[in-house]
């Protein structure tokens, strides 16, 4: 730039800041920051029971770019879509298998947990995963990851998150390998219509245009003790947490679990 057209250092920095904030510049070939992605957190989880095919189907109808799947592992080594490490919050496992619990210490209390890892897929398929949310969803089931893939594939991307891999590794299970095998069997890394993004937004498989920001749900500190988010046992707390699960303002570009605001 010639001396006649050059700007003082402070002015040049100001112009650069304005250009960057307006989206003229992008970093590492990424689209401008104003580009937003709609991620259905646990599916359309305020309108239907989380992590059911009903929730995933509604998310697609609402225009989700990605559908998130939290993944746990059954006793017989199958990835299933469920947020908690245990079944009691979102199913009727306490009624169907009343004696199949383990006791865990939570603070000064001992609470009963029906761990996903203690049940086979056939047993989990017997559970109602919809009635806790509303009677109109009675009979909804806990889907396998494969069932989630079959529903979402070609319509949106996948956003899988393994729940507490260390818990499973300590029991001789390799959840990362299970996830890798399912993706490989479905040839998803090579499917341009179904990108797969790691839950932390850093690792990316497939040709997704941009990893969405993963801010996650806001949490009510009075309802969810720190460090115990994966093992909530109260349906009342669950219903209230659902109402708090809107992430960020409409223009933030972070997780939008309920509705498209494009």
Protein backbone atom coordinates (compact mmCIF):
# COMPACT_ATOMS: atom_id res chain seq x y z
CA UNK A 1 0.00 0.00 0.00
CA UNK A 2 1.44 3.39 -0.94
CA UNK A 3 2.23 6.06 1.63
CA UNK A 4 -0.64 8.20 0.33
CA UNK A 5 -3.21 5.48 0.92
CA UNK A 6 -1.81 3.90 4.05
CA UNK A 7 -3.68 4.17 7.34
CA UNK A 8 -2.27 4.76 10.81
CA UNK A 9 -1.86 1.57 12.82
CA UNK A 10 -4.86 2.19 15.05
CA UNK A 11 -7.14 2.91 12.09
CA UNK A 12 -5.95 -0.13 10.13
CA UNK A 13 -6.66 -2.35 13.12
CA UNK A 14 -10.13 -0.82 13.44
CA UNK A 15 -10.91 -1.45 9.75
CA UNK A 16 -9.70 -5.06 10.08
CA UNK A 17 -11.91 -5.58 13.14
CA UNK A 18 -14.95 -4.22 11.32
CA UNK A 19 -14.31 -6.43 8.29
CA UNK A 20 -13.91 -9.53 10.43
CA UNK A 21 -17.03 -8.81 12.48
CA UNK A 22 -19.04 -8.26 9.30
CA UNK A 23 -18.06 -11.66 7.96
CA UNK A 24 -15.91 -10.42 5.06
CA UNK A 25 -13.03 -12.54 6.28
CA UNK A 26 -13.25 -16.20 7.23
CA UNK A 27 -10.70 -18.39 8.97
CA UNK A 28 -9.13 -21.50 7.42
CA UNK A 29 -11.60 -21.55 4.58
CA UNK A 30 -14.60 -21.68 6.92
CA UNK A 31 -17.77 -19.74 6.07
CA UNK A 32 -18.44 -16.46 7.91
CA UNK A 33 -19.36 -16.68 11.57
CA UNK A 34 -22.94 -15.70 10.75
CA UNK A 35 -23.49 -19.11 9.14
CA UNK A 36 -25.60 -21.11 11.57
CA UNK A 37 -26.36 -24.80 11.92
CA UNK A 38 -29.41 -26.19 13.65
CA UNK A 39 -28.58 -29.07 15.99
CA UNK A 40 -31.52 -31.01 17.45
CA UNK A 41 -30.37 -31.69 21.01
CA UNK A 42 -31.64 -35.18 21.91
CA UNK A 43 -34.00 -34.73 18.97
CA UNK A 44 -36.92 -32.30 19.27
CA UNK A 45 -36.71 -32.88 22.98
CA UNK A 46 -39.16 -30.26 24.21
CA UNK A 47 -41.98 -31.49 22.00
CA UNK A 48 -41.43 -35.24 22.27
CA UNK A 49 -39.57 -37.68 24.54
CA UNK A 50 -35.84 -37.26 24.17
CA UNK A 51 -33.83 -39.80 22.21
CA UNK A 52 -36.77 -41.59 20.64
CA UNK A 53 -37.44 -42.01 16.95
CA UNK A 54 -40.42 -39.73 17.46
CA UNK A 55 -38.09 -36.96 18.68
CA UNK A 56 -35.66 -37.50 15.80
CA UNK A 57 -38.45 -37.54 13.22
CA UNK A 58 -39.89 -34.29 14.52
CA UNK A 59 -36.43 -32.69 14.51
CA UNK A 60 -36.12 -33.50 10.83
CA UNK A 61 -39.53 -32.00 10.16
CA UNK A 62 -38.39 -28.84 11.94
CA UNK A 63 -35.42 -28.56 9.60
CA UNK A 64 -32.53 -29.77 11.76
CA UNK A 65 -29.11 -29.78 10.10
CA UNK A 66 -27.81 -32.29 12.65
CA UNK A 67 -29.52 -34.66 15.09
CA UNK A 68 -27.63 -35.45 18.28
CA UNK A 69 -27.42 -38.97 19.68
CA UNK A 70 -26.10 -39.65 23.19
CA UNK A 71 -24.89 -43.24 23.18
CA UNK A 72 -24.75 -45.87 25.92
CA UNK A 73 -23.85 -49.55 25.60
CA UNK A 74 -26.11 -52.47 26.45
CA UNK A 75 -25.04 -55.63 28.25
CA UNK A 76 -24.72 -57.38 24.89
CA UNK A 77 -22.62 -54.63 23.34
CA UNK A 78 -25.15 -52.61 21.32
CA UNK A 79 -25.07 -48.81 21.11
CA UNK A 80 -28.42 -47.32 22.12
CA UNK A 81 -29.55 -43.70 22.13
CA UNK A 82 -30.10 -42.45 25.67
CA UNK A 83 -28.72 -39.52 27.60
CA UNK A 84 -28.33 -41.04 31.07
CA UNK A 85 -26.20 -43.98 32.09
CA UNK A 86 -29.31 -45.47 33.65
CA UNK A 87 -32.86 -46.12 32.49
CA UNK A 88 -35.16 -44.99 35.28
CA UNK A 89 -35.57 -41.33 34.33
CA UNK A 90 -36.92 -41.86 30.82
CA UNK A 91 -38.42 -45.38 30.88
CA UNK A 92 -40.65 -47.58 33.04
CA UNK A 93 -37.79 -49.91 33.94
CA UNK A 94 -38.69 -49.68 37.66
CA UNK A 95 -42.02 -51.33 36.87
CA UNK A 96 -40.86 -53.87 34.30
CA UNK A 97 -37.67 -54.93 36.12
CA UNK A 98 -38.20 -53.79 39.72
CA UNK A 99 -35.36 -55.84 41.21
CA UNK A 100 -32.65 -55.18 38.61
CA UNK A 101 -31.16 -52.08 40.20
CA UNK A 102 -27.84 -51.26 41.79
CA UNK A 103 -27.43 -48.79 44.64
CA UNK A 104 -25.12 -45.82 44.28
CA UNK A 105 -24.15 -43.20 46.79
CA UNK A 106 -25.14 -39.69 45.73
CA UNK A 107 -24.01 -37.17 48.31
CA UNK A 108 -25.38 -38.44 51.62
CA UNK A 109 -28.04 -40.60 49.98
CA UNK A 110 -28.09 -43.99 48.38
CA UNK A 111 -30.12 -44.10 45.17
CA UNK A 112 -31.25 -46.96 42.98
CA UNK A 113 -30.01 -47.05 39.40
CA UNK A 114 -31.05 -49.35 36.57
CA UNK A 115 -27.86 -49.16 34.51
CA UNK A 116 -28.10 -49.52 30.73
CA UNK A 117 -25.06 -51.78 30.82
CA UNK A 118 -26.92 -54.31 33.00
CA UNK A 119 -29.65 -54.93 30.39
CA UNK A 120 -29.62 -56.63 27.01
CA UNK A 121 -31.09 -54.94 23.97
CA UNK A 122 -34.02 -57.38 24.03
CA UNK A 123 -34.80 -56.34 27.60
CA UNK A 124 -34.52 -52.63 26.84
CA UNK A 125 -36.90 -53.05 23.91
CA UNK A 126 -39.57 -54.05 26.43
CA UNK A 127 -39.46 -50.63 28.07
CA UNK A 128 -41.79 -47.70 27.43
CA UNK A 129 -39.64 -44.63 26.74
CA UNK A 130 -42.50 -42.24 25.99
CA UNK A 131 -45.11 -42.22 28.75
CA UNK A 132 -42.89 -40.33 31.21
CA UNK A 133 -43.08 -37.36 28.81
CA UNK A 134 -46.77 -37.61 27.88
CA UNK A 135 -49.32 -40.37 27.53
CA UNK A 136 -49.63 -39.68 23.78
CA UNK A 137 -46.10 -41.10 23.39
CA UNK A 138 -46.85 -44.34 25.23
CA UNK A 139 -45.05 -47.23 23.57
CA UNK A 140 -42.09 -45.25 22.27
CA UNK A 141 -38.88 -47.25 22.54
CA UNK A 142 -35.21 -46.61 23.23
CA UNK A 143 -33.70 -46.76 19.72
CA UNK A 144 -30.41 -48.28 18.75
CA UNK A 145 -27.83 -46.04 17.12
CA UNK A 146 -28.38 -47.99 13.92
CA UNK A 147 -32.09 -47.16 14.01
CA UNK A 148 -31.20 -43.51 14.50
CA UNK A 149 -28.87 -43.65 11.52
CA UNK A 150 -31.49 -45.31 9.35
CA UNK A 151 -33.99 -42.55 10.16
CA UNK A 152 -31.67 -39.55 9.83
CA UNK A 153 -29.44 -40.66 6.99
CA UNK A 154 -29.68 -38.54 3.87
CA UNK A 155 -31.85 -35.95 5.63
CA UNK A 156 -29.42 -34.46 8.17
CA UNK A 157 -26.07 -35.01 9.82
CA UNK A 158 -25.33 -37.09 12.92
CA UNK A 159 -23.89 -35.74 16.15
CA UNK A 160 -23.02 -38.78 18.34
CA UNK A 161 -21.67 -38.52 21.87
CA UNK A 162 -20.45 -41.53 23.83
CA UNK A 163 -21.57 -41.35 27.45
CA UNK A 164 -18.77 -41.90 29.97
CA UNK A 165 -16.43 -44.11 27.90
CA UNK A 166 -14.21 -44.66 30.94
CA UNK A 167 -17.10 -46.36 32.74
CA UNK A 168 -17.34 -48.95 29.97
CA UNK A 169 -13.60 -49.36 29.46
CA UNK A 170 -13.27 -50.25 33.15
CA UNK A 171 -15.69 -53.13 32.40
CA UNK A 172 -13.79 -54.39 29.38
CA UNK A 173 -15.98 -52.65 26.77
CA UNK A 174 -14.51 -50.39 24.08
CA UNK A 175 -17.28 -47.93 23.17
CA UNK A 176 -15.07 -45.97 20.79
CA UNK A 177 -14.48 -49.13 18.77
CA UNK A 178 -18.21 -49.88 18.72
CA UNK A 179 -18.93 -46.41 17.39
CA UNK A 180 -16.17 -46.64 14.81
CA UNK A 181 -17.45 -50.02 13.61
CA UNK A 182 -21.04 -48.80 13.21
CA UNK A 183 -19.91 -45.76 11.23
CA UNK A 184 -17.66 -47.91 9.06
CA UNK A 185 -20.40 -50.45 8.39
CA UNK A 186 -22.65 -47.62 7.24
CA UNK A 187 -19.88 -45.96 5.19
CA UNK A 188 -20.83 -42.71 6.81
CA UNK A 189 -17.48 -40.95 6.54
CA UNK A 190 -17.97 -41.12 2.77
CA UNK A 191 -21.62 -40.05 2.64
CA UNK A 192 -21.85 -36.38 1.59
CA UNK A 193 -25.51 -36.21 2.62
CA UNK A 194 -24.89 -37.45 6.18
CA UNK A 195 -21.90 -35.73 7.82
CA UNK A 196 -20.85 -36.95 11.25
CA UNK A 197 -19.49 -34.53 13.83
CA UNK A 198 -17.98 -35.40 17.20
CA UNK A 199 -19.92 -34.01 20.12
CA UNK A 200 -17.16 -31.59 21.14
CA UNK A 201 -17.30 -29.98 17.69
CA UNK A 202 -13.57 -30.51 17.06
CA UNK A 203 -13.30 -33.85 15.30
CA UNK A 204 -15.21 -34.03 12.04
CA UNK A 205 -15.94 -36.95 9.74
CA UNK A 206 -17.50 -36.38 6.38
CA UNK A 207 -17.87 -33.21 4.33
CA UNK A 208 -19.82 -31.06 6.79
CA UNK A 209 -19.49 -27.40 5.86
CA UNK A 210 -18.87 -26.21 9.41
CA UNK A 211 -18.91 -27.73 12.86
CA UNK A 212 -21.69 -26.08 14.85
CA UNK A 213 -20.94 -24.53 18.19
CA UNK A 214 -21.64 -26.98 20.99
CA UNK A 215 -22.70 -24.91 23.95
CA UNK A 216 -25.13 -27.53 25.24
CA UNK A 217 -28.14 -27.11 27.50
CA UNK A 218 -28.32 -24.47 30.12
CA UNK A 219 -28.74 -26.22 33.44
CA UNK A 220 -30.54 -25.15 36.57
CA UNK A 221 -27.97 -25.55 39.34
CA UNK A 222 -30.77 -26.15 41.83
CA UNK A 223 -31.98 -29.14 39.85
CA UNK A 224 -28.85 -30.83 38.57
CA UNK A 225 -25.91 -31.31 40.94
CA UNK A 226 -22.52 -30.79 39.32
CA UNK A 227 -20.97 -34.04 38.20
CA UNK A 228 -24.24 -35.97 38.30
CA UNK A 229 -25.76 -34.87 34.99
CA UNK A 230 -25.70 -38.33 33.43
CA UNK A 231 -27.48 -40.13 36.25
CA UNK A 232 -30.48 -38.03 37.10
CA UNK A 233 -33.19 -40.12 38.63
CA UNK A 234 -36.15 -37.79 39.00
CA UNK A 235 -38.81 -37.46 36.34
CA UNK A 236 -39.84 -34.12 37.87
CA UNK A 237 -36.32 -32.80 37.45
CA UNK A 238 -36.31 -34.16 33.89
CA UNK A 239 -39.45 -32.27 32.91
CA UNK A 240 -38.08 -29.05 34.37
CA UNK A 241 -34.70 -29.55 32.73
CA UNK A 242 -36.43 -29.96 29.39
CA UNK A 243 -37.88 -26.49 29.76
CA UNK A 244 -34.40 -25.10 30.49
CA UNK A 245 -32.83 -26.78 27.48
CA UNK A 246 -32.90 -23.83 25.08
CA UNK A 247 -29.32 -22.84 24.36
CA UNK A 248 -28.31 -19.31 23.55
CA UNK A 249 -30.12 -16.38 21.97
CA UNK A 250 -31.67 -16.83 18.49
CA UNK A 251 -28.65 -15.35 16.70
CA UNK A 252 -25.95 -17.19 18.65
CA UNK A 253 -25.67 -20.17 16.32
CA UNK A 254 -25.38 -22.58 19.25
CA UNK A 255 -27.48 -25.64 19.92
CA UNK A 256 -31.14 -25.08 19.05
CA UNK A 257 -32.97 -28.12 20.43
CA UNK A 258 -36.52 -27.06 19.69
CA UNK A 259 -37.19 -25.11 16.56
CA UNK A 260 -35.59 -23.77 13.44
CA UNK A 261 -35.04 -20.02 13.51
CA UNK A 262 -33.33 -19.66 10.16
